[in-house]
N, C-alpha and C. Protein backbone atom coordinates (compact mmCIF):
# COMPACT_ATOMS: atom_id res chain seq x y z
N MET A 1 0.83 -1.18 0.00
CA MET A 1 0.01 -0.01 -0.01
C MET A 1 0.89 1.23 -0.02
N THR A 2 0.50 2.24 -0.80
CA THR A 2 1.17 3.51 -0.84
C THR A 2 0.88 4.29 0.47
N HIS A 3 1.89 4.95 1.01
CA HIS A 3 1.70 5.76 2.22
C HIS A 3 0.76 6.91 1.91
N THR A 4 -0.09 7.26 2.87
CA THR A 4 -1.08 8.31 2.64
C THR A 4 -0.44 9.64 2.28
N ALA A 5 0.70 9.95 2.87
CA ALA A 5 1.35 11.24 2.51
C ALA A 5 1.76 11.24 1.02
N ASP A 6 2.33 10.15 0.58
CA ASP A 6 2.71 10.06 -0.86
C ASP A 6 1.48 10.07 -1.76
N LEU A 7 0.46 9.34 -1.34
CA LEU A 7 -0.81 9.32 -2.10
C LEU A 7 -1.41 10.72 -2.22
N TYR A 8 -1.38 11.46 -1.13
CA TYR A 8 -1.93 12.80 -1.18
C TYR A 8 -1.08 13.70 -2.10
N ASP A 9 0.26 13.54 -2.04
CA ASP A 9 1.14 14.28 -2.91
C ASP A 9 0.80 13.99 -4.41
N GLU A 10 0.48 12.76 -4.69
CA GLU A 10 0.17 12.40 -6.08
C GLU A 10 -1.22 12.86 -6.52
N ARG A 11 -2.21 12.76 -5.65
CA ARG A 11 -3.59 12.96 -6.09
C ARG A 11 -4.26 14.20 -5.54
N GLY A 12 -3.69 14.82 -4.48
CA GLY A 12 -4.16 16.07 -3.96
C GLY A 12 -5.65 16.22 -3.78
N ASP A 13 -6.24 17.16 -4.52
CA ASP A 13 -7.65 17.47 -4.33
C ASP A 13 -8.64 16.43 -4.74
N ALA A 14 -8.17 15.32 -5.30
CA ALA A 14 -9.05 14.21 -5.62
C ALA A 14 -9.37 13.41 -4.36
N LEU A 15 -8.70 13.76 -3.28
CA LEU A 15 -8.87 13.02 -2.00
C LEU A 15 -9.32 13.98 -0.89
N ASP A 16 -10.08 13.49 0.07
CA ASP A 16 -10.34 14.20 1.28
C ASP A 16 -9.50 13.59 2.40
N SER A 17 -9.04 14.43 3.29
CA SER A 17 -8.22 14.01 4.42
C SER A 17 -9.01 14.20 5.68
N LEU A 18 -9.17 13.14 6.48
CA LEU A 18 -9.91 13.23 7.75
C LEU A 18 -8.98 13.90 8.81
N ALA A 19 -9.39 15.07 9.27
CA ALA A 19 -8.61 15.78 10.29
C ALA A 19 -8.79 15.21 11.67
N LEU A 20 -9.86 14.47 11.90
CA LEU A 20 -10.15 13.87 13.21
C LEU A 20 -9.03 12.85 13.53
N GLN A 21 -8.45 12.95 14.72
CA GLN A 21 -7.38 12.05 15.12
C GLN A 21 -7.94 10.80 15.77
N LEU A 22 -7.68 9.67 15.11
CA LEU A 22 -8.18 8.38 15.64
C LEU A 22 -6.96 7.59 16.11
N HIS A 23 -7.20 6.68 17.09
CA HIS A 23 -6.15 5.78 17.61
C HIS A 23 -5.98 4.57 16.70
N ASP A 24 -4.77 4.18 16.46
CA ASP A 24 -4.46 2.91 15.74
C ASP A 24 -4.56 1.79 16.79
N ILE A 25 -5.51 0.90 16.58
CA ILE A 25 -5.76 -0.13 17.61
C ILE A 25 -5.50 -1.54 17.07
N GLY A 26 -5.82 -1.81 15.78
CA GLY A 26 -5.66 -3.10 15.23
C GLY A 26 -4.19 -3.50 15.03
N GLY A 27 -3.97 -4.75 14.72
CA GLY A 27 -2.62 -5.26 14.47
C GLY A 27 -1.99 -4.77 13.22
N ARG A 28 -2.77 -4.20 12.32
CA ARG A 28 -2.25 -3.58 11.12
C ARG A 28 -2.54 -2.08 11.16
N VAL A 29 -1.52 -1.27 11.07
CA VAL A 29 -1.72 0.20 11.07
C VAL A 29 -2.15 0.70 9.73
N ALA A 30 -1.56 0.13 8.61
CA ALA A 30 -1.89 0.53 7.27
C ALA A 30 -2.85 -0.42 6.64
N PHE A 31 -3.92 0.09 6.08
CA PHE A 31 -4.90 -0.71 5.42
C PHE A 31 -5.71 0.18 4.45
N ASP A 32 -6.33 -0.46 3.47
CA ASP A 32 -7.19 0.30 2.56
C ASP A 32 -8.19 -0.64 1.91
N GLY A 33 -9.14 -0.08 1.23
CA GLY A 33 -10.15 -0.86 0.54
C GLY A 33 -11.34 -0.06 0.19
N PRO A 34 -12.29 -0.68 -0.53
CA PRO A 34 -13.54 -0.01 -0.83
C PRO A 34 -14.34 0.15 0.47
N ILE A 35 -15.11 1.23 0.51
CA ILE A 35 -15.86 1.62 1.71
C ILE A 35 -17.21 0.89 1.77
N ARG A 36 -17.53 0.37 2.94
CA ARG A 36 -18.88 -0.03 3.32
C ARG A 36 -19.17 0.78 4.61
N THR A 37 -20.42 1.04 4.90
CA THR A 37 -20.74 1.85 6.05
C THR A 37 -21.84 1.28 6.92
N VAL A 38 -21.81 1.66 8.17
CA VAL A 38 -22.91 1.47 9.14
C VAL A 38 -23.02 2.75 9.95
N ARG A 39 -24.26 3.21 10.08
CA ARG A 39 -24.51 4.34 11.00
C ARG A 39 -25.35 3.77 12.16
N CYS A 40 -24.86 3.97 13.39
CA CYS A 40 -25.57 3.43 14.53
C CYS A 40 -25.19 4.25 15.78
N HIS A 41 -26.04 4.20 16.77
CA HIS A 41 -25.71 4.94 18.01
C HIS A 41 -25.88 3.96 19.18
N ARG A 42 -24.77 3.59 19.80
CA ARG A 42 -24.73 2.71 20.96
C ARG A 42 -25.47 1.38 20.75
N ASP A 43 -25.43 0.89 19.50
CA ASP A 43 -26.09 -0.35 19.11
C ASP A 43 -25.23 -0.99 18.03
N ASN A 44 -24.60 -2.11 18.32
CA ASN A 44 -23.67 -2.66 17.37
C ASN A 44 -24.17 -3.88 16.62
N ALA A 45 -25.47 -4.15 16.65
CA ALA A 45 -26.00 -5.35 15.96
C ALA A 45 -25.68 -5.30 14.45
N LEU A 46 -25.86 -4.15 13.84
CA LEU A 46 -25.59 -4.05 12.39
C LEU A 46 -24.13 -4.14 12.07
N VAL A 47 -23.26 -3.64 12.99
CA VAL A 47 -21.80 -3.78 12.79
C VAL A 47 -21.43 -5.26 12.82
N LYS A 48 -21.94 -5.97 13.83
CA LYS A 48 -21.63 -7.41 13.95
C LYS A 48 -22.15 -8.18 12.71
N ALA A 49 -23.38 -7.89 12.27
CA ALA A 49 -23.96 -8.59 11.15
C ALA A 49 -23.19 -8.31 9.84
N THR A 50 -22.82 -7.06 9.67
CA THR A 50 -22.09 -6.69 8.43
C THR A 50 -20.73 -7.34 8.39
N LEU A 51 -19.98 -7.30 9.51
CA LEU A 51 -18.65 -7.90 9.55
C LEU A 51 -18.64 -9.40 9.52
N ALA A 52 -19.82 -10.05 9.66
CA ALA A 52 -19.93 -11.44 9.57
C ALA A 52 -20.20 -11.88 8.10
N THR A 53 -20.25 -10.94 7.18
CA THR A 53 -20.43 -11.21 5.77
C THR A 53 -19.10 -11.08 5.04
N PRO A 54 -18.98 -11.66 3.84
CA PRO A 54 -17.71 -11.55 3.10
C PRO A 54 -17.31 -10.13 2.90
N GLY A 55 -16.11 -9.74 3.38
CA GLY A 55 -15.60 -8.36 3.30
C GLY A 55 -14.89 -8.11 1.99
N GLU A 56 -14.26 -9.11 1.37
CA GLU A 56 -13.54 -9.01 0.13
C GLU A 56 -12.63 -7.81 0.09
N GLY A 57 -11.92 -7.57 1.22
CA GLY A 57 -10.96 -6.47 1.30
C GLY A 57 -11.51 -5.11 1.60
N ALA A 58 -12.79 -5.00 1.91
CA ALA A 58 -13.39 -3.72 2.17
C ALA A 58 -13.07 -3.20 3.58
N VAL A 59 -13.35 -1.94 3.77
CA VAL A 59 -13.15 -1.26 5.05
C VAL A 59 -14.52 -0.80 5.53
N LEU A 60 -14.93 -1.23 6.71
CA LEU A 60 -16.19 -0.80 7.28
C LEU A 60 -16.02 0.49 8.02
N VAL A 61 -16.70 1.53 7.67
CA VAL A 61 -16.68 2.81 8.37
C VAL A 61 -17.94 2.85 9.21
N VAL A 62 -17.76 2.91 10.55
CA VAL A 62 -18.84 2.92 11.48
C VAL A 62 -19.03 4.33 12.06
N ASP A 63 -20.18 4.94 11.76
CA ASP A 63 -20.43 6.27 12.27
C ASP A 63 -21.30 6.08 13.55
N GLY A 64 -20.63 6.07 14.68
CA GLY A 64 -21.29 5.96 15.94
C GLY A 64 -21.57 7.32 16.58
N GLY A 65 -21.56 8.34 15.77
CA GLY A 65 -21.83 9.71 16.27
C GLY A 65 -20.77 10.25 17.21
N GLY A 66 -19.62 9.60 17.32
CA GLY A 66 -18.58 10.06 18.21
C GLY A 66 -18.79 9.69 19.67
N SER A 67 -19.79 8.84 19.93
CA SER A 67 -20.11 8.44 21.31
C SER A 67 -19.00 7.54 21.84
N LEU A 68 -18.55 7.86 23.04
CA LEU A 68 -17.61 7.01 23.76
C LEU A 68 -18.28 6.29 24.92
N GLU A 69 -19.62 6.30 24.94
CA GLU A 69 -20.39 5.74 26.07
C GLU A 69 -20.42 4.22 26.07
N SER A 70 -20.28 3.57 24.91
CA SER A 70 -20.23 2.10 24.87
C SER A 70 -19.49 1.72 23.61
N ALA A 71 -18.99 0.48 23.61
CA ALA A 71 -18.17 -0.03 22.53
C ALA A 71 -18.99 -0.56 21.36
N LEU A 72 -18.59 -0.23 20.14
CA LEU A 72 -19.27 -0.72 18.95
C LEU A 72 -18.56 -1.90 18.33
N VAL A 73 -17.29 -2.11 18.70
CA VAL A 73 -16.50 -3.26 18.16
C VAL A 73 -15.71 -3.79 19.39
N GLY A 74 -15.73 -5.14 19.50
CA GLY A 74 -14.92 -5.85 20.48
C GLY A 74 -14.09 -6.92 19.79
N ASP A 75 -13.38 -7.70 20.56
CA ASP A 75 -12.50 -8.70 19.99
C ASP A 75 -13.20 -9.79 19.18
N LEU A 76 -14.42 -10.21 19.58
CA LEU A 76 -15.13 -11.25 18.83
C LEU A 76 -15.59 -10.73 17.47
N ILE A 77 -16.09 -9.52 17.47
CA ILE A 77 -16.54 -8.89 16.20
C ILE A 77 -15.32 -8.64 15.27
N ALA A 78 -14.20 -8.16 15.85
CA ALA A 78 -13.00 -7.91 15.03
C ALA A 78 -12.47 -9.25 14.48
N ALA A 79 -12.51 -10.33 15.29
CA ALA A 79 -12.04 -11.63 14.84
C ALA A 79 -12.92 -12.14 13.71
N SER A 80 -14.21 -11.87 13.77
CA SER A 80 -15.11 -12.22 12.70
C SER A 80 -14.78 -11.47 11.42
N ALA A 81 -14.41 -10.19 11.58
CA ALA A 81 -14.03 -9.41 10.39
C ALA A 81 -12.77 -9.97 9.73
N VAL A 82 -11.83 -10.46 10.53
CA VAL A 82 -10.61 -11.06 9.99
C VAL A 82 -11.00 -12.35 9.22
N GLU A 83 -11.81 -13.19 9.87
CA GLU A 83 -12.22 -14.48 9.26
C GLU A 83 -12.95 -14.24 7.92
N ASN A 84 -13.67 -13.11 7.80
CA ASN A 84 -14.46 -12.84 6.63
C ASN A 84 -13.77 -11.92 5.61
N GLY A 85 -12.49 -11.67 5.77
CA GLY A 85 -11.73 -10.98 4.76
C GLY A 85 -11.88 -9.48 4.69
N TRP A 86 -12.22 -8.82 5.77
CA TRP A 86 -12.27 -7.35 5.84
C TRP A 86 -10.84 -6.84 5.96
N SER A 87 -10.60 -5.70 5.36
CA SER A 87 -9.25 -5.07 5.48
C SER A 87 -9.14 -4.24 6.73
N GLY A 88 -10.23 -3.61 7.14
CA GLY A 88 -10.18 -2.76 8.31
C GLY A 88 -11.50 -2.24 8.75
N VAL A 89 -11.50 -1.59 9.93
CA VAL A 89 -12.69 -0.97 10.47
C VAL A 89 -12.30 0.38 11.04
N ILE A 90 -13.05 1.40 10.62
CA ILE A 90 -12.81 2.78 11.15
C ILE A 90 -14.03 3.11 11.97
N VAL A 91 -13.88 3.43 13.25
CA VAL A 91 -15.01 3.63 14.16
C VAL A 91 -14.98 5.06 14.69
N HIS A 92 -16.06 5.80 14.32
CA HIS A 92 -16.29 7.12 14.90
C HIS A 92 -17.06 6.92 16.20
N GLY A 93 -16.35 6.38 17.16
CA GLY A 93 -16.90 5.95 18.47
C GLY A 93 -15.86 5.13 19.20
N ALA A 94 -16.37 4.27 20.11
CA ALA A 94 -15.48 3.50 20.96
C ALA A 94 -15.46 2.03 20.56
N ILE A 95 -14.34 1.38 20.92
CA ILE A 95 -14.19 -0.08 20.81
C ILE A 95 -13.87 -0.60 22.22
N ARG A 96 -13.71 -1.91 22.34
CA ARG A 96 -13.20 -2.52 23.63
C ARG A 96 -12.30 -3.64 23.24
N ASP A 97 -11.69 -4.22 24.25
CA ASP A 97 -10.75 -5.32 24.00
C ASP A 97 -9.53 -4.92 23.20
N ARG A 98 -8.97 -3.74 23.55
CA ARG A 98 -7.86 -3.12 22.79
C ARG A 98 -6.69 -4.10 22.58
N GLU A 99 -6.30 -4.80 23.64
CA GLU A 99 -5.14 -5.68 23.54
C GLU A 99 -5.39 -6.82 22.60
N ALA A 100 -6.55 -7.44 22.69
CA ALA A 100 -6.89 -8.58 21.82
C ALA A 100 -7.01 -8.11 20.37
N ILE A 101 -7.62 -6.97 20.11
CA ILE A 101 -7.75 -6.45 18.76
C ILE A 101 -6.35 -6.07 18.20
N GLY A 102 -5.46 -5.62 19.08
CA GLY A 102 -4.14 -5.31 18.63
C GLY A 102 -3.33 -6.48 18.19
N ALA A 103 -3.72 -7.69 18.53
CA ALA A 103 -3.04 -8.90 18.15
C ALA A 103 -3.65 -9.51 16.84
N LEU A 104 -4.73 -8.90 16.32
CA LEU A 104 -5.37 -9.42 15.13
C LEU A 104 -4.84 -8.76 13.86
N PRO A 105 -4.74 -9.54 12.80
CA PRO A 105 -4.22 -8.99 11.53
C PRO A 105 -5.24 -8.17 10.75
N ILE A 106 -5.67 -7.08 11.37
CA ILE A 106 -6.68 -6.21 10.74
C ILE A 106 -6.43 -4.79 11.19
N GLY A 107 -6.75 -3.83 10.34
CA GLY A 107 -6.62 -2.44 10.74
C GLY A 107 -7.89 -1.99 11.48
N VAL A 108 -7.70 -1.37 12.64
CA VAL A 108 -8.85 -0.78 13.40
C VAL A 108 -8.40 0.57 13.90
N LYS A 109 -9.22 1.56 13.54
CA LYS A 109 -8.98 2.91 14.08
C LYS A 109 -10.28 3.33 14.78
N ALA A 110 -10.15 3.99 15.92
CA ALA A 110 -11.33 4.42 16.68
C ALA A 110 -10.97 5.63 17.53
N LEU A 111 -12.01 6.32 17.99
CA LEU A 111 -11.81 7.47 18.88
C LEU A 111 -11.23 7.07 20.26
N GLY A 112 -11.59 5.91 20.72
CA GLY A 112 -11.10 5.46 22.01
C GLY A 112 -11.73 4.16 22.41
N SER A 113 -11.72 3.84 23.73
CA SER A 113 -12.25 2.57 24.16
C SER A 113 -13.12 2.74 25.39
N ASN A 114 -14.02 1.78 25.58
CA ASN A 114 -14.86 1.76 26.78
C ASN A 114 -15.25 0.28 26.92
N PRO A 115 -15.10 -0.32 28.12
CA PRO A 115 -15.44 -1.75 28.28
C PRO A 115 -16.97 -2.01 28.25
N ARG A 116 -17.78 -0.97 28.28
CA ARG A 116 -19.25 -1.14 28.31
C ARG A 116 -19.76 -1.67 26.98
N LYS A 117 -20.58 -2.71 27.02
CA LYS A 117 -21.19 -3.23 25.79
C LYS A 117 -22.30 -2.24 25.28
N SER A 118 -22.55 -2.34 23.98
CA SER A 118 -23.64 -1.55 23.42
C SER A 118 -24.88 -2.42 23.31
N ALA A 119 -25.99 -1.77 22.94
CA ALA A 119 -27.24 -2.49 22.74
C ALA A 119 -27.13 -3.38 21.48
N LYS A 120 -28.05 -4.31 21.34
CA LYS A 120 -28.00 -5.25 20.22
C LYS A 120 -29.37 -5.28 19.53
N ASP A 121 -30.02 -4.14 19.39
CA ASP A 121 -31.37 -4.06 18.88
C ASP A 121 -31.47 -3.96 17.30
N GLY A 122 -30.35 -3.65 16.70
CA GLY A 122 -30.36 -3.55 15.25
C GLY A 122 -30.74 -2.20 14.66
N HIS A 123 -30.78 -1.17 15.54
CA HIS A 123 -31.11 0.17 15.04
C HIS A 123 -29.94 0.75 14.29
N GLY A 124 -30.26 1.41 13.16
CA GLY A 124 -29.19 2.07 12.39
C GLY A 124 -29.43 1.84 10.93
N GLU A 125 -28.40 2.20 10.12
CA GLU A 125 -28.50 2.09 8.65
C GLU A 125 -27.19 1.53 8.12
N VAL A 126 -27.33 0.81 7.00
CA VAL A 126 -26.18 0.17 6.38
C VAL A 126 -26.01 0.70 4.93
N ASP A 127 -24.73 0.85 4.53
CA ASP A 127 -24.34 1.19 3.16
C ASP A 127 -25.01 2.48 2.63
N MET A 128 -24.94 3.51 3.40
CA MET A 128 -25.37 4.83 2.93
C MET A 128 -24.23 5.79 3.23
N PRO A 129 -24.08 6.92 2.49
CA PRO A 129 -22.98 7.85 2.79
C PRO A 129 -23.09 8.34 4.23
N VAL A 130 -21.94 8.40 4.91
CA VAL A 130 -21.86 8.97 6.26
C VAL A 130 -20.80 10.03 6.25
N THR A 131 -21.05 11.10 7.02
CA THR A 131 -20.07 12.20 7.05
C THR A 131 -19.55 12.29 8.48
N ILE A 132 -18.22 12.22 8.57
CA ILE A 132 -17.53 12.31 9.87
C ILE A 132 -16.56 13.46 9.79
N ALA A 133 -16.65 14.42 10.66
CA ALA A 133 -15.73 15.56 10.73
C ALA A 133 -15.60 16.25 9.38
N GLY A 134 -16.73 16.35 8.65
CA GLY A 134 -16.76 17.06 7.36
C GLY A 134 -16.32 16.23 6.16
N VAL A 135 -15.94 14.97 6.36
CA VAL A 135 -15.51 14.11 5.28
C VAL A 135 -16.59 13.05 5.03
N THR A 136 -17.00 12.91 3.75
CA THR A 136 -18.04 11.92 3.41
C THR A 136 -17.43 10.65 3.01
N PHE A 137 -17.87 9.56 3.60
CA PHE A 137 -17.47 8.19 3.29
C PHE A 137 -18.63 7.54 2.54
N ALA A 138 -18.50 7.41 1.21
CA ALA A 138 -19.56 6.84 0.36
C ALA A 138 -19.24 5.43 0.04
N PRO A 139 -20.26 4.58 0.21
CA PRO A 139 -20.03 3.16 -0.15
C PRO A 139 -19.54 3.03 -1.57
N GLY A 140 -18.49 2.15 -1.74
CA GLY A 140 -17.92 1.93 -3.02
C GLY A 140 -16.69 2.80 -3.35
N LYS A 141 -16.57 3.93 -2.69
CA LYS A 141 -15.37 4.80 -2.86
C LYS A 141 -14.28 4.10 -2.11
N HIS A 142 -13.01 4.54 -2.29
CA HIS A 142 -11.86 3.92 -1.68
C HIS A 142 -11.36 4.74 -0.49
N VAL A 143 -10.89 4.05 0.56
CA VAL A 143 -10.29 4.69 1.74
C VAL A 143 -8.93 4.08 2.01
N TRP A 144 -7.97 4.95 2.39
CA TRP A 144 -6.64 4.51 2.73
C TRP A 144 -6.36 5.01 4.14
N ALA A 145 -5.76 4.21 4.99
CA ALA A 145 -5.45 4.57 6.37
C ALA A 145 -4.05 4.06 6.72
N ASP A 146 -3.32 4.92 7.45
CA ASP A 146 -2.01 4.49 7.97
C ASP A 146 -1.68 5.34 9.17
N ALA A 147 -0.46 5.35 9.62
CA ALA A 147 -0.11 6.07 10.84
C ALA A 147 -0.26 7.58 10.65
N ASP A 148 -0.24 8.09 9.46
CA ASP A 148 -0.42 9.53 9.21
C ASP A 148 -1.89 9.94 9.22
N GLY A 149 -2.80 9.03 8.97
CA GLY A 149 -4.19 9.42 8.98
C GLY A 149 -5.00 8.65 7.91
N ILE A 150 -6.09 9.30 7.51
CA ILE A 150 -7.06 8.65 6.64
C ILE A 150 -7.35 9.52 5.44
N LEU A 151 -7.33 8.96 4.24
CA LEU A 151 -7.67 9.66 2.99
C LEU A 151 -8.86 8.92 2.34
N VAL A 152 -9.74 9.72 1.75
CA VAL A 152 -10.94 9.18 1.15
C VAL A 152 -11.07 9.71 -0.26
N GLU A 153 -11.37 8.77 -1.17
CA GLU A 153 -11.64 9.16 -2.56
C GLU A 153 -12.89 9.99 -2.63
N ARG A 154 -12.82 11.12 -3.35
CA ARG A 154 -14.03 11.96 -3.51
C ARG A 154 -14.99 11.42 -4.50
């Protein structure tokens, strides 16, 4: 994968750069792929269901509204994502099981962590454009992430 700084130098305004600072949590810091999305608030049923389907190298962008009140991804869900071929997960919210996720061969970026579980009611939306910190993540567009940050194809 090309480093995001080099990629931005090459493509410039064809890319959006996420200014929001997320923690690198997964065992892979650099990852990229086509975007899939889930929008949910303190309910991770759709995240779990989506990551249990074939990822085919995609990156799931989870718009949890920036809530740190409960975790949207834990070690079992992240392990499912690995088993199903997902490249990474970007969470605008909290995760849990940081150490276990850090040992998995998947990219995970999140605002932070909280050991509290989230609801499992299935509220939310899947595969629709989500905007985080002014950057739109549209399903099918490409996202690149590494230690420098996140770039999104416009």
